Every structure is written in C-alpha cells, then in structure tokens.
Amino acid sequence: MYVLIVEDDVRLADAVAQILRNNDYQVDVVHDGADGLSYGEAGIYDAIVLDVMLPKMNGFEVVAELRRRKVATPVIMLTARDALGDKVGGLDSGADDYMTKPFAPAELMARLRSLTRRQGEVVFETAEFGDIKLDLESCDLICGEKSIHLGFKEFSIAKILIANAGRVVSKETLIEKVWGYDSEVEDNNVEAYISFLRKKFEFVGSKVKITTLRKVGYRLDEGE
C-alpha cells in the first residue's frame, strides 16, 4: 500500500511514517497543504493521511480541491480538535474518515485497512487510456490479449501519465511524486524509466505514445 502523509508537525509525521514503513507500507511525507494537494492529485496513493491545521492550505481546502479534481483517493483527516463541527466540516469537504490526536497506531492501521477495503468495492481496478489498461492491483500493463508487469517506479510513472493524459507532466513533477521531494534523483533517471515504459508499450503492441516535449516534460498521446 502507498500512503501520503500531510502533517506539519515533523516529529509526528516521521513517527507515523515509521509505523507505516514497519508494516511494509510505501510512504511519502509532506508538511504543508500546497504540497499535499500537489502530491495527492497525482492519484498514485492508496490513502492519504491529512492534518487539518496546515500552512498554505488547510486540510479542508486540500480534500475539497482533490475531490473537485476528481481524485477519489481515500482520506483520513487528523486534528487535535474534537469539536463536532470540525468533524462535520471534514466529512462534508470530502474526507472519508476522521481521527483526533493523540491516537493509537493500531487504530490508524485498522482505519487504513478498512478504508482501502471499501475503496476497492467502488473504484475501478484499472486506469485506461487509448488501447492500454493499467491494472492497479497487479501493476500489469495490458493491451488486448498481451500484458507485462511493471516495476514500482514504472507503474507510478505510468499511472501519473494516464491520470494526466493529453497534458504535459514535467520531469520535476515525476521526480517529486515518484522518488520524493527530497530526492537527489536527476533527469537522466526519469529518462531511463520513460525509455523502459516505451519499450513495454511496444511489447504489448500499444499505439499509445509517450511524447517528449523538449525542456518541458512528457505527454501521453493516442497513436494512429
């Protein structure tokens, strides 16, 4: 499972991230609402743990904007406040669950498991564009009767490109959302994974193309 944590208390964010990593979760951590929105809109996460009181954008604004942009990723909102109005406000903004601080790690894990189980009942298990499908459970790329398994970073890049099909995605965006905002990965790493993806598109016989726009980024286009 791949989880985004949006929490401005660095010590708490790191503690929650470590708990999740100890349970074999993949985790990204950001510390303000603007970054939370930027990461969350990529649509690559299985769940988002989102604080209410954040710099730049509060949690209510972040989840409301994610829903406006058609991002259906389950969101658990965290706050030190326990007023009924805050809970109602969070749920009305589009959150799926609500926890007050402090909380037990076991409760967070249980809520994440519950949310992702429910999400699986109502959300499509594939992302599609043109003649390709991306199986979100198996990480397989499918075209017609042919399929091939994608590595984690290939899968993450493919999912971002499909979610933004027809729009340009910059190398900087891919680095931030696939490797992490504090990563030292360079442009040539992105280029290598784009090359791997192109070969796998060709392997399954897809007409979909990853177009390079020099000094701008990449765009997924339907081929003829």
Protein backbone atom coordinates (compact mmCIF):
# COMPACT_ATOMS: atom_id res chain seq x y z
CA MET A 1 0.00 0.00 0.00
CA TYR A 2 1.22 3.50 -0.87
CA VAL A 3 0.26 6.25 1.61
CA LEU A 4 0.76 10.02 1.57
CA ILE A 5 1.12 11.77 4.95
CA VAL A 6 0.41 15.51 5.05
CA GLU A 7 1.35 16.79 8.51
CA ASP A 8 3.20 19.97 9.55
CA ASP A 9 4.38 18.50 12.87
CA VAL A 10 7.61 16.96 11.56
CA ARG A 11 8.13 14.68 14.55
CA LEU A 12 4.59 13.30 14.37
CA ALA A 13 4.80 12.89 10.59
CA ASP A 14 8.06 10.98 10.90
CA ALA A 15 6.66 8.79 13.66
CA VAL A 16 3.55 7.90 11.65
CA ALA A 17 5.66 7.26 8.56
CA GLN A 18 7.91 4.88 10.50
CA ILE A 19 4.90 2.98 11.84
CA LEU A 20 3.60 2.50 8.31
CA ARG A 21 7.01 1.52 6.93
CA ASN A 22 7.37 -1.05 9.71
CA ASN A 23 4.16 -2.56 8.35
CA ASP A 24 5.56 -2.73 4.79
CA TYR A 25 3.78 0.39 3.50
CA GLN A 26 5.34 2.75 0.96
CA VAL A 27 5.17 6.29 2.37
CA ASP A 28 5.66 9.87 1.17
CA VAL A 29 5.64 12.76 3.67
CA VAL A 30 4.99 16.47 3.03
CA HIS A 31 4.49 19.27 5.53
CA ASP A 32 2.06 21.82 4.06
CA GLY A 33 -1.27 21.84 2.29
CA ALA A 34 0.02 23.06 -1.06
CA ASP A 35 2.46 20.15 -1.31
CA GLY A 36 -0.27 17.81 -0.08
CA LEU A 37 -2.50 18.88 -2.94
CA SER A 38 0.32 18.63 -5.49
CA TYR A 39 1.26 15.11 -4.41
CA GLY A 40 -2.30 13.93 -3.84
CA GLU A 41 -3.59 14.97 -7.26
CA ALA A 42 -1.18 12.52 -8.92
CA GLY A 43 -3.66 9.79 -7.98
CA ILE A 44 -0.94 7.24 -7.19
CA TYR A 45 -1.73 6.75 -3.48
CA ASP A 46 -3.95 4.14 -1.88
CA ALA A 47 -4.75 6.51 1.00
CA ILE A 48 -3.91 10.00 2.31
CA VAL A 49 -3.46 10.85 5.99
CA LEU A 50 -4.20 14.59 6.13
CA ASP A 51 -3.87 17.02 9.02
CA VAL A 52 -6.44 19.82 9.31
CA MET A 53 -4.25 22.68 10.55
CA LEU A 54 -1.62 23.11 7.82
CA PRO A 55 0.40 26.00 6.36
CA LYS A 56 -0.55 27.40 2.93
CA MET A 57 -3.82 25.41 2.64
CA ASN A 58 -5.75 23.77 5.46
CA GLY A 59 -6.83 20.15 5.27
CA PHE A 60 -10.44 21.02 4.46
CA GLU A 61 -9.31 23.03 1.45
CA VAL A 62 -6.95 20.29 0.29
CA VAL A 63 -9.51 17.49 0.35
CA ALA A 64 -12.20 19.68 -1.22
CA GLU A 65 -9.85 20.57 -4.09
CA LEU A 66 -8.81 16.94 -4.56
CA ARG A 67 -12.46 15.97 -4.91
CA ARG A 68 -13.09 18.87 -7.30
CA ARG A 69 -10.27 17.49 -9.45
CA LYS A 70 -11.89 14.03 -9.41
CA VAL A 71 -9.25 12.43 -7.18
CA ALA A 72 -11.07 9.68 -5.27
CA THR A 73 -8.18 8.54 -3.03
CA PRO A 74 -9.48 7.76 0.50
CA VAL A 75 -8.59 10.50 3.01
CA ILE A 76 -8.28 10.22 6.78
CA MET A 77 -8.21 13.65 8.42
CA LEU A 78 -6.22 14.25 11.61
CA THR A 79 -6.72 17.06 14.12
CA ALA A 80 -6.06 17.87 17.74
CA ARG A 81 -9.58 19.25 17.93
CA ASP A 82 -12.60 17.07 18.63
CA ALA A 83 -15.48 19.50 18.08
CA LEU A 84 -18.41 18.06 16.16
CA GLY A 85 -18.31 20.99 13.72
CA ASP A 86 -14.76 20.13 12.68
CA LYS A 87 -15.69 16.51 12.04
CA VAL A 88 -18.71 17.51 10.00
CA GLY A 89 -16.64 20.08 8.09
CA GLY A 90 -14.02 17.49 7.20
CA LEU A 91 -16.52 14.91 6.04
CA ASP A 92 -18.51 17.50 4.10
CA SER A 93 -15.29 18.57 2.35
CA GLY A 94 -14.89 15.03 1.01
CA ALA A 95 -12.87 13.18 3.66
CA ASP A 96 -13.68 9.53 4.26
CA ASP A 97 -12.73 9.24 7.93
CA TYR A 98 -11.65 11.40 10.84
CA MET A 99 -9.26 10.81 13.77
CA THR A 100 -8.39 13.09 16.68
CA LYS A 101 -4.91 13.36 18.15
CA PRO A 102 -3.47 11.63 20.05
CA PHE A 103 -4.36 8.27 18.51
CA ALA A 104 -3.12 4.72 18.88
CA PRO A 105 -1.04 3.36 15.97
CA ALA A 106 -3.20 0.23 15.89
CA GLU A 107 -6.30 2.37 15.33
CA LEU A 108 -4.72 4.20 12.39
CA MET A 109 -3.68 0.90 10.80
CA ALA A 110 -7.17 -0.53 11.25
CA ARG A 111 -8.79 2.55 9.72
CA LEU A 112 -6.43 2.47 6.74
CA ARG A 113 -7.22 -1.20 6.12
CA SER A 114 -10.93 -0.51 6.38
CA LEU A 115 -10.82 2.47 4.02
CA THR A 116 -8.86 0.69 1.33
CA ARG A 117 -11.14 -2.34 1.51
CA ARG A 118 -14.17 -0.10 1.00
CA GLN A 119 -12.41 1.80 -1.76
CA GLY A 120 -11.83 -1.44 -3.62
CA GLU A 121 -15.57 -2.07 -3.72
CA VAL A 122 -16.42 1.15 -5.57
CA VAL A 123 -13.37 2.24 -7.55
CA PHE A 124 -12.28 0.83 -10.88
CA GLU A 125 -9.35 -1.58 -10.61
CA THR A 126 -7.80 -0.32 -13.83
CA ALA A 127 -6.73 3.03 -15.26
CA GLU A 128 -7.23 3.33 -19.00
CA PHE A 129 -6.15 5.48 -21.92
CA GLY A 130 -6.39 4.68 -25.61
CA ASP A 131 -5.80 0.96 -26.07
CA ILE A 132 -3.95 0.40 -22.78
CA LYS A 133 -5.10 -0.56 -19.33
CA LEU A 134 -3.09 -0.34 -16.12
CA ASP A 135 -4.15 -2.91 -13.53
CA LEU A 136 -3.93 -1.05 -10.23
CA GLU A 137 -3.79 -4.25 -8.21
CA SER A 138 -1.26 -6.34 -10.13
CA CYS A 139 0.73 -3.42 -11.70
CA ASP A 140 0.31 -5.08 -15.11
CA LEU A 141 0.20 -3.07 -18.34
CA ILE A 142 -2.41 -4.57 -20.67
CA CYS A 143 -3.22 -4.09 -24.35
CA GLY A 144 -5.66 -6.52 -25.89
CA GLU A 145 -4.52 -10.05 -25.06
CA LYS A 146 -0.97 -9.07 -24.12
CA SER A 147 0.27 -7.88 -20.75
CA ILE A 148 3.53 -7.20 -18.95
CA HIS A 149 4.32 -6.49 -15.32
CA LEU A 150 5.68 -3.04 -14.42
CA GLY A 151 8.18 -2.31 -11.69
CA PHE A 152 7.06 0.04 -8.93
CA LYS A 153 8.54 3.22 -10.40
CA GLU A 154 7.43 2.30 -13.94
CA PHE A 155 3.93 1.71 -12.58
CA SER A 156 3.92 5.02 -10.67
CA ILE A 157 5.05 6.98 -13.74
CA ALA A 158 2.51 5.21 -15.98
CA LYS A 159 -0.29 5.96 -13.51
CA ILE A 160 0.63 9.66 -13.38
CA LEU A 161 0.82 9.91 -17.17
CA ILE A 162 -2.55 8.16 -17.62
CA ALA A 163 -4.17 10.36 -14.96
CA ASN A 164 -2.88 13.40 -16.87
CA ALA A 165 -3.31 12.00 -20.40
CA GLY A 166 -3.14 14.74 -23.02
CA ARG A 167 -1.45 17.12 -20.57
CA VAL A 168 2.27 17.70 -20.11
CA VAL A 169 3.89 16.30 -16.97
CA SER A 170 7.28 17.82 -16.17
CA LYS A 171 10.34 15.83 -15.14
CA GLU A 172 10.36 17.77 -11.88
CA THR A 173 6.82 16.61 -11.13
CA LEU A 174 7.69 12.98 -11.83
CA ILE A 175 10.76 13.17 -9.60
CA GLU A 176 8.81 14.73 -6.73
CA LYS A 177 5.88 12.33 -6.94
CA VAL A 178 7.72 9.09 -7.73
CA TRP A 179 11.05 9.49 -5.91
CA GLY A 180 10.09 12.11 -3.30
CA TYR A 181 10.55 15.86 -2.97
CA ASP A 182 13.89 15.50 -1.12
CA SER A 183 15.32 13.01 -3.62
CA GLU A 184 18.65 13.60 -5.35
CA VAL A 185 17.46 11.77 -8.48
CA GLU A 186 18.47 13.51 -11.70
CA ASP A 187 16.74 13.99 -15.05
CA ASN A 188 18.53 11.05 -16.65
CA ASN A 189 16.90 8.67 -14.15
CA VAL A 190 13.49 9.83 -15.36
CA GLU A 191 14.60 9.48 -18.98
CA ALA A 192 15.70 5.90 -18.30
CA TYR A 193 12.33 4.90 -16.83
CA ILE A 194 10.46 6.62 -19.67
CA SER A 195 12.57 4.53 -22.06
CA PHE A 196 11.66 1.36 -20.14
CA LEU A 197 7.96 2.28 -20.34
CA ARG A 198 8.13 2.97 -24.07
CA LYS A 199 9.63 -0.48 -24.64
CA LYS A 200 6.86 -2.09 -22.60
CA PHE A 201 4.19 -0.17 -24.52
CA GLU A 202 5.77 -1.55 -27.69
CA PHE A 203 5.95 -5.06 -26.23
CA VAL A 204 2.18 -5.21 -25.62
CA GLY A 205 1.52 -3.70 -29.06
CA SER A 206 0.01 -0.42 -27.89
CA LYS A 207 -0.41 2.56 -30.19
CA VAL A 208 -0.20 4.93 -27.24
CA LYS A 209 2.92 7.09 -27.33
CA ILE A 210 4.89 8.92 -24.66
CA THR A 211 5.72 12.20 -26.35
CA THR A 212 8.77 14.15 -25.20
CA LEU A 213 8.44 17.93 -25.24
CA ARG A 214 11.97 19.25 -25.08
CA LYS A 215 12.72 21.16 -21.85
CA VAL A 216 9.06 20.82 -20.83
CA GLY A 217 8.21 17.21 -20.00
CA TYR A 218 6.19 14.24 -21.25
CA ARG A 219 2.68 13.77 -22.56
CA LEU A 220 0.68 10.61 -23.21
CA ASP A 221 -0.89 10.64 -26.71
CA GLU A 222 -3.06 8.21 -28.61
CA GLY A 223 -1.28 6.86 -31.69
CA GLU A 224 -2.92 6.27 -35.03
